[in-house]
Structure formats: structure tokens, C-alpha cells
Amino acid sequence: MLVNCSKINGIGVVQVDNALTAATVDTFRDQLTSWQEAEKGIKNYVIDLGQVDFMDSAGLGTLIAVLKRISEQGGDMKIANLQKKPRMVFEITRAYKVFEIYETVEDAIRAFD
């Protein structure tokens, strides 16, 4: 299991439990998509990257694709608990301009209010 999905105040919270790399992005995408199909009422998501100690360009690209899909469905996505090494990927690629990034899941959830 790569993702652990739950719902808090109507917001989908997606906890990623491993590195997001070319080797894991297909599993991440499949698990997230099947949960989204089961939970049709959720529009907004928080991606919790607290357990992700490494991310490559494939991981970042997948997060951008997920953001695009959620946006197309009228929702929004925020990132929480970005760790040191993945944060460097966000800084080098300037992806922090694309995503709203919060220190905690709670902060990200509150930002939807």
C-alpha cells in the first residue's frame, strides 16, 4: 500500500507512505484514482508527504497531473508535510509556484475554509 486515503471535513487526505519515484508513481496514481472513484463527492484534497523522504521528476510530474485532474473537476489540491529532500525538488523546479504548500495537514485543511 502506497497511499492511505481518508476524509476529514469533506476533504480527501491522501497520505503517501513511500518515496514518489518512477518505480512507484503508477501504484500511487492507480490507488488514488480508485479511491477518488469510490468517493465521488470529494472535490478538494490534501496530499500528505510527511513519509516521503525522496521524490524524483516522475513523482513531481504525477503530482502535477493529479492537480490538473482535480482542478478540471472544480476542486483544489494542497501539499502538506513536505520533507527536506522532496522540498529541494520543488525549489529547483519552482514547483512551489504551482502548489500551495503547508507545514501540516491541519493547516492545509483550514486553508480550504
N, C-alpha and C. Protein backbone atom coordinates (compact mmCIF):
# COMPACT_ATOMS: atom_id res chain seq x y z
N MET A 1 0.86 -1.19 0.00
CA MET A 1 0.00 0.00 0.00
C MET A 1 0.89 1.23 0.00
N LEU A 2 0.67 2.09 -0.96
CA LEU A 2 1.47 3.31 -1.07
C LEU A 2 0.71 4.51 -0.52
N VAL A 3 -0.60 4.53 -0.73
CA VAL A 3 -1.38 5.66 -0.24
C VAL A 3 -2.41 5.20 0.78
N ASN A 4 -2.66 6.08 1.75
CA ASN A 4 -3.65 5.83 2.77
C ASN A 4 -4.62 7.01 2.71
N CYS A 5 -5.82 6.76 2.23
CA CYS A 5 -6.77 7.85 1.99
C CYS A 5 -7.82 7.90 3.09
N SER A 6 -8.14 9.11 3.51
CA SER A 6 -9.21 9.31 4.48
C SER A 6 -9.93 10.61 4.15
N LYS A 7 -11.01 10.84 4.86
CA LYS A 7 -11.80 12.04 4.61
C LYS A 7 -11.94 12.80 5.92
N ILE A 8 -11.55 14.08 5.92
CA ILE A 8 -11.67 14.93 7.10
C ILE A 8 -12.43 16.17 6.67
N ASN A 9 -13.58 16.41 7.30
CA ASN A 9 -14.42 17.58 6.97
C ASN A 9 -14.73 17.66 5.47
N GLY A 10 -14.93 16.52 4.84
CA GLY A 10 -15.27 16.51 3.42
C GLY A 10 -14.09 16.69 2.49
N ILE A 11 -12.90 16.74 3.04
CA ILE A 11 -11.68 16.91 2.24
C ILE A 11 -10.93 15.59 2.21
N GLY A 12 -10.49 15.19 1.03
CA GLY A 12 -9.72 13.97 0.90
C GLY A 12 -8.30 14.19 1.38
N VAL A 13 -7.87 13.37 2.34
CA VAL A 13 -6.49 13.44 2.82
C VAL A 13 -5.77 12.19 2.35
N VAL A 14 -4.74 12.40 1.55
CA VAL A 14 -4.01 11.30 0.92
C VAL A 14 -2.61 11.26 1.51
N GLN A 15 -2.38 10.26 2.36
CA GLN A 15 -1.06 10.10 2.97
C GLN A 15 -0.25 9.16 2.10
N VAL A 16 0.89 9.64 1.62
CA VAL A 16 1.78 8.83 0.79
C VAL A 16 2.84 8.23 1.71
N ASP A 17 2.99 6.90 1.66
CA ASP A 17 3.82 6.21 2.64
C ASP A 17 5.21 5.83 2.15
N ASN A 18 5.60 6.33 0.98
CA ASN A 18 6.89 5.89 0.44
C ASN A 18 7.41 6.95 -0.51
N ALA A 19 8.62 6.74 -1.01
CA ALA A 19 9.19 7.67 -1.99
C ALA A 19 8.29 7.73 -3.22
N LEU A 20 8.20 8.90 -3.84
CA LEU A 20 7.46 9.06 -5.09
C LEU A 20 8.47 9.12 -6.22
N THR A 21 8.64 7.98 -6.89
CA THR A 21 9.64 7.88 -7.95
C THR A 21 9.03 7.17 -9.16
N ALA A 22 9.82 7.08 -10.22
CA ALA A 22 9.36 6.40 -11.43
C ALA A 22 8.87 4.98 -11.10
N ALA A 23 9.47 4.36 -10.08
CA ALA A 23 9.09 2.99 -9.72
C ALA A 23 7.76 2.91 -8.99
N THR A 24 7.30 4.01 -8.38
CA THR A 24 6.10 3.95 -7.54
C THR A 24 4.93 4.78 -8.05
N VAL A 25 5.15 5.66 -9.04
CA VAL A 25 4.08 6.59 -9.42
C VAL A 25 2.86 5.89 -10.00
N ASP A 26 3.05 4.79 -10.72
CA ASP A 26 1.88 4.09 -11.29
C ASP A 26 0.99 3.55 -10.18
N THR A 27 1.60 2.97 -9.14
CA THR A 27 0.84 2.47 -8.00
C THR A 27 0.13 3.61 -7.29
N PHE A 28 0.84 4.71 -7.07
CA PHE A 28 0.25 5.89 -6.44
C PHE A 28 -0.97 6.36 -7.23
N ARG A 29 -0.81 6.52 -8.53
CA ARG A 29 -1.90 7.02 -9.38
C ARG A 29 -3.09 6.05 -9.37
N ASP A 30 -2.81 4.75 -9.48
CA ASP A 30 -3.89 3.75 -9.50
C ASP A 30 -4.66 3.74 -8.19
N GLN A 31 -3.95 3.76 -7.06
CA GLN A 31 -4.61 3.72 -5.76
C GLN A 31 -5.42 4.99 -5.52
N LEU A 32 -4.86 6.14 -5.89
CA LEU A 32 -5.57 7.40 -5.71
C LEU A 32 -6.81 7.45 -6.60
N THR A 33 -6.66 7.06 -7.85
CA THR A 33 -7.79 7.10 -8.78
C THR A 33 -8.92 6.19 -8.33
N SER A 34 -8.61 4.99 -7.88
CA SER A 34 -9.68 4.08 -7.45
C SER A 34 -10.38 4.63 -6.21
N TRP A 35 -9.64 5.29 -5.30
CA TRP A 35 -10.28 5.88 -4.13
C TRP A 35 -11.15 7.06 -4.55
N GLN A 36 -10.66 7.87 -5.50
CA GLN A 36 -11.45 9.01 -5.97
C GLN A 36 -12.75 8.55 -6.62
N GLU A 37 -12.70 7.43 -7.34
CA GLU A 37 -13.91 6.92 -7.98
C GLU A 37 -14.91 6.42 -6.94
N ALA A 38 -14.40 5.88 -5.84
CA ALA A 38 -15.28 5.39 -4.77
C ALA A 38 -15.86 6.54 -3.95
N GLU A 39 -15.16 7.65 -3.91
CA GLU A 39 -15.56 8.82 -3.10
C GLU A 39 -15.86 10.00 -4.02
N LYS A 40 -16.86 9.86 -4.85
CA LYS A 40 -17.15 10.86 -5.88
C LYS A 40 -17.43 12.27 -5.34
N GLY A 41 -17.91 12.37 -4.09
CA GLY A 41 -18.31 13.66 -3.55
C GLY A 41 -17.16 14.57 -3.16
N ILE A 42 -15.94 14.04 -3.13
CA ILE A 42 -14.80 14.84 -2.68
C ILE A 42 -14.24 15.65 -3.84
N LYS A 43 -14.12 16.96 -3.62
CA LYS A 43 -13.54 17.84 -4.64
C LYS A 43 -12.13 18.29 -4.26
N ASN A 44 -11.91 18.52 -2.97
CA ASN A 44 -10.64 19.08 -2.50
C ASN A 44 -9.79 18.04 -1.80
N TYR A 45 -8.48 18.15 -2.01
CA TYR A 45 -7.56 17.14 -1.49
C TYR A 45 -6.34 17.78 -0.83
N VAL A 46 -5.84 17.09 0.20
CA VAL A 46 -4.55 17.42 0.79
C VAL A 46 -3.67 16.19 0.57
N ILE A 47 -2.51 16.40 -0.03
CA ILE A 47 -1.55 15.31 -0.22
C ILE A 47 -0.51 15.44 0.90
N ASP A 48 -0.50 14.46 1.79
CA ASP A 48 0.40 14.45 2.95
C ASP A 48 1.68 13.73 2.57
N LEU A 49 2.77 14.49 2.44
CA LEU A 49 4.06 13.92 2.03
C LEU A 49 5.02 13.75 3.20
N GLY A 50 4.47 13.65 4.41
CA GLY A 50 5.30 13.51 5.61
C GLY A 50 6.17 12.27 5.63
N GLN A 51 5.74 11.20 4.95
CA GLN A 51 6.51 9.94 4.91
C GLN A 51 7.38 9.83 3.65
N VAL A 52 7.32 10.85 2.80
CA VAL A 52 8.06 10.80 1.53
C VAL A 52 9.42 11.45 1.72
N ASP A 53 10.47 10.61 1.78
CA ASP A 53 11.81 11.16 2.00
C ASP A 53 12.55 11.39 0.69
N PHE A 54 11.97 10.93 -0.42
CA PHE A 54 12.63 11.14 -1.71
C PHE A 54 11.58 11.24 -2.81
N MET A 55 11.83 12.13 -3.77
CA MET A 55 10.93 12.29 -4.91
C MET A 55 11.78 12.62 -6.12
N ASP A 56 11.47 11.98 -7.26
CA ASP A 56 12.17 12.34 -8.49
C ASP A 56 11.22 13.09 -9.42
N SER A 57 11.68 13.37 -10.62
CA SER A 57 10.86 14.15 -11.55
C SER A 57 9.57 13.43 -11.92
N ALA A 58 9.58 12.10 -11.93
CA ALA A 58 8.36 11.34 -12.22
C ALA A 58 7.33 11.55 -11.11
N GLY A 59 7.80 11.58 -9.86
CA GLY A 59 6.91 11.84 -8.73
C GLY A 59 6.30 13.23 -8.81
N LEU A 60 7.14 14.21 -9.11
CA LEU A 60 6.65 15.58 -9.23
C LEU A 60 5.67 15.70 -10.40
N GLY A 61 6.01 15.09 -11.52
CA GLY A 61 5.12 15.13 -12.69
C GLY A 61 3.77 14.52 -12.39
N THR A 62 3.76 13.45 -11.61
CA THR A 62 2.49 12.81 -11.25
C THR A 62 1.67 13.72 -10.35
N LEU A 63 2.30 14.40 -9.41
CA LEU A 63 1.57 15.33 -8.55
C LEU A 63 0.96 16.46 -9.39
N ILE A 64 1.70 16.94 -10.38
CA ILE A 64 1.17 17.99 -11.26
C ILE A 64 -0.02 17.46 -12.06
N ALA A 65 0.07 16.23 -12.55
CA ALA A 65 -1.05 15.62 -13.30
C ALA A 65 -2.28 15.46 -12.41
N VAL A 66 -2.07 15.05 -11.16
CA VAL A 66 -3.18 14.89 -10.20
C VAL A 66 -3.82 16.25 -9.92
N LEU A 67 -3.00 17.28 -9.72
CA LEU A 67 -3.51 18.63 -9.50
C LEU A 67 -4.35 19.09 -10.70
N LYS A 68 -3.86 18.82 -11.89
CA LYS A 68 -4.58 19.23 -13.10
C LYS A 68 -5.95 18.54 -13.17
N ARG A 69 -5.97 17.24 -12.89
CA ARG A 69 -7.23 16.49 -12.95
C ARG A 69 -8.23 16.99 -11.90
N ILE A 70 -7.74 17.24 -10.69
CA ILE A 70 -8.61 17.74 -9.62
C ILE A 70 -9.14 19.13 -9.98
N SER A 71 -8.28 19.98 -10.53
CA SER A 71 -8.70 21.33 -10.94
C SER A 71 -9.75 21.27 -12.03
N GLU A 72 -9.58 20.36 -12.98
CA GLU A 72 -10.55 20.22 -14.07
C GLU A 72 -11.92 19.80 -13.56
N GLN A 73 -11.95 19.14 -12.39
CA GLN A 73 -13.21 18.70 -11.80
C GLN A 73 -13.74 19.73 -10.79
N GLY A 74 -13.16 20.93 -10.81
CA GLY A 74 -13.65 22.00 -9.96
C GLY A 74 -13.13 21.98 -8.54
N GLY A 75 -12.10 21.20 -8.28
CA GLY A 75 -11.55 21.11 -6.93
C GLY A 75 -10.18 21.74 -6.83
N ASP A 76 -9.55 21.53 -5.67
CA ASP A 76 -8.21 22.07 -5.44
C ASP A 76 -7.41 21.04 -4.65
N MET A 77 -6.09 21.19 -4.69
CA MET A 77 -5.20 20.26 -4.01
C MET A 77 -4.10 21.07 -3.32
N LYS A 78 -3.80 20.68 -2.09
CA LYS A 78 -2.72 21.31 -1.35
C LYS A 78 -1.74 20.24 -0.89
N ILE A 79 -0.50 20.64 -0.68
CA ILE A 79 0.55 19.73 -0.23
C ILE A 79 0.84 20.04 1.24
N ALA A 80 1.03 18.98 2.04
CA ALA A 80 1.36 19.16 3.46
C ALA A 80 2.58 18.31 3.82
N ASN A 81 3.32 18.75 4.84
CA ASN A 81 4.44 17.99 5.41
C ASN A 81 5.54 17.68 4.40
N LEU A 82 5.88 18.64 3.55
CA LEU A 82 6.93 18.42 2.56
C LEU A 82 8.28 18.30 3.26
N GLN A 83 8.95 17.18 3.06
CA GLN A 83 10.22 16.91 3.73
C GLN A 83 11.39 17.56 2.98
N LYS A 84 12.56 17.49 3.59
CA LYS A 84 13.72 18.24 3.11
C LYS A 84 14.13 17.89 1.67
N LYS A 85 14.33 16.61 1.36
CA LYS A 85 14.79 16.25 0.01
C LYS A 85 13.73 16.53 -1.06
N PRO A 86 12.47 16.12 -0.85
CA PRO A 86 11.45 16.48 -1.85
C PRO A 86 11.28 18.00 -1.97
N ARG A 87 11.45 18.72 -0.89
CA ARG A 87 11.33 20.18 -0.94
C ARG A 87 12.37 20.76 -1.90
N MET A 88 13.57 20.16 -1.94
CA MET A 88 14.61 20.62 -2.87
C MET A 88 14.15 20.45 -4.32
N VAL A 89 13.46 19.35 -4.61
CA VAL A 89 12.93 19.14 -5.96
C VAL A 89 11.93 20.24 -6.30
N PHE A 90 11.07 20.58 -5.34
CA PHE A 90 10.09 21.65 -5.55
C PHE A 90 10.79 22.99 -5.79
N GLU A 91 11.89 23.23 -5.07
CA GLU A 91 12.59 24.51 -5.21
C GLU A 91 13.36 24.59 -6.53
N ILE A 92 14.07 23.51 -6.89
CA ILE A 92 14.85 23.51 -8.12
C ILE A 92 13.95 23.70 -9.34
N THR A 93 12.79 23.06 -9.31
CA THR A 93 11.88 23.11 -10.47
C THR A 93 10.88 24.26 -10.37
N ARG A 94 10.93 24.99 -9.26
CA ARG A 94 9.98 26.08 -8.98
C ARG A 94 8.54 25.57 -8.89
N ALA A 95 8.37 24.30 -8.55
CA ALA A 95 7.03 23.72 -8.42
C ALA A 95 6.27 24.35 -7.26
N TYR A 96 6.99 24.97 -6.32
CA TYR A 96 6.31 25.63 -5.19
C TYR A 96 5.43 26.77 -5.70
N LYS A 97 5.64 27.21 -6.93
CA LYS A 97 4.77 28.24 -7.50
C LYS A 97 3.45 27.65 -8.01
N VAL A 98 3.44 26.35 -8.25
CA VAL A 98 2.27 25.65 -8.77
C VAL A 98 1.38 25.17 -7.62
N PHE A 99 2.00 24.72 -6.53
CA PHE A 99 1.27 24.12 -5.42
C PHE A 99 1.21 25.06 -4.22
N GLU A 100 0.12 24.94 -3.47
CA GLU A 100 0.07 25.57 -2.15
C GLU A 100 0.62 24.56 -1.17
N ILE A 101 1.65 24.95 -0.43
CA ILE A 101 2.36 24.02 0.47
C ILE A 101 2.19 24.49 1.91
N TYR A 102 1.81 23.55 2.78
CA TYR A 102 1.56 23.85 4.19
C TYR A 102 2.41 22.95 5.07
N GLU A 103 2.71 23.45 6.27
CA GLU A 103 3.53 22.68 7.22
C GLU A 103 2.82 21.42 7.70
N THR A 104 1.50 21.52 7.95
CA THR A 104 0.76 20.38 8.50
C THR A 104 -0.51 20.12 7.69
N VAL A 105 -1.04 18.92 7.84
CA VAL A 105 -2.32 18.57 7.22
C VAL A 105 -3.41 19.49 7.74
N GLU A 106 -3.38 19.76 9.05
CA GLU A 106 -4.40 20.61 9.67
C GLU A 106 -4.40 22.01 9.05
N ASP A 107 -3.20 22.57 8.84
CA ASP A 107 -3.09 23.90 8.22
C ASP A 107 -3.66 23.87 6.80
N ALA A 108 -3.36 22.81 6.07
CA ALA A 108 -3.85 22.69 4.69
C ALA A 108 -5.37 22.58 4.66
N ILE A 109 -5.93 21.80 5.58
CA ILE A 109 -7.40 21.65 5.65
C ILE A 109 -8.05 22.99 5.98
N ARG A 110 -7.48 23.70 6.96
CA ARG A 110 -8.03 25.01 7.33
C ARG A 110 -7.99 25.99 6.16
N ALA A 111 -7.02 25.86 5.28
CA ALA A 111 -6.87 26.78 4.15
C ALA A 111 -8.04 26.66 3.16
N PHE A 112 -8.79 25.56 3.22
CA PHE A 112 -9.95 25.40 2.34
C PHE A 112 -11.16 26.20 2.83
N ASP A 113 -11.15 26.61 4.10
CA ASP A 113 -12.31 27.34 4.65
C ASP A 113 -12.46 28.72 4.05
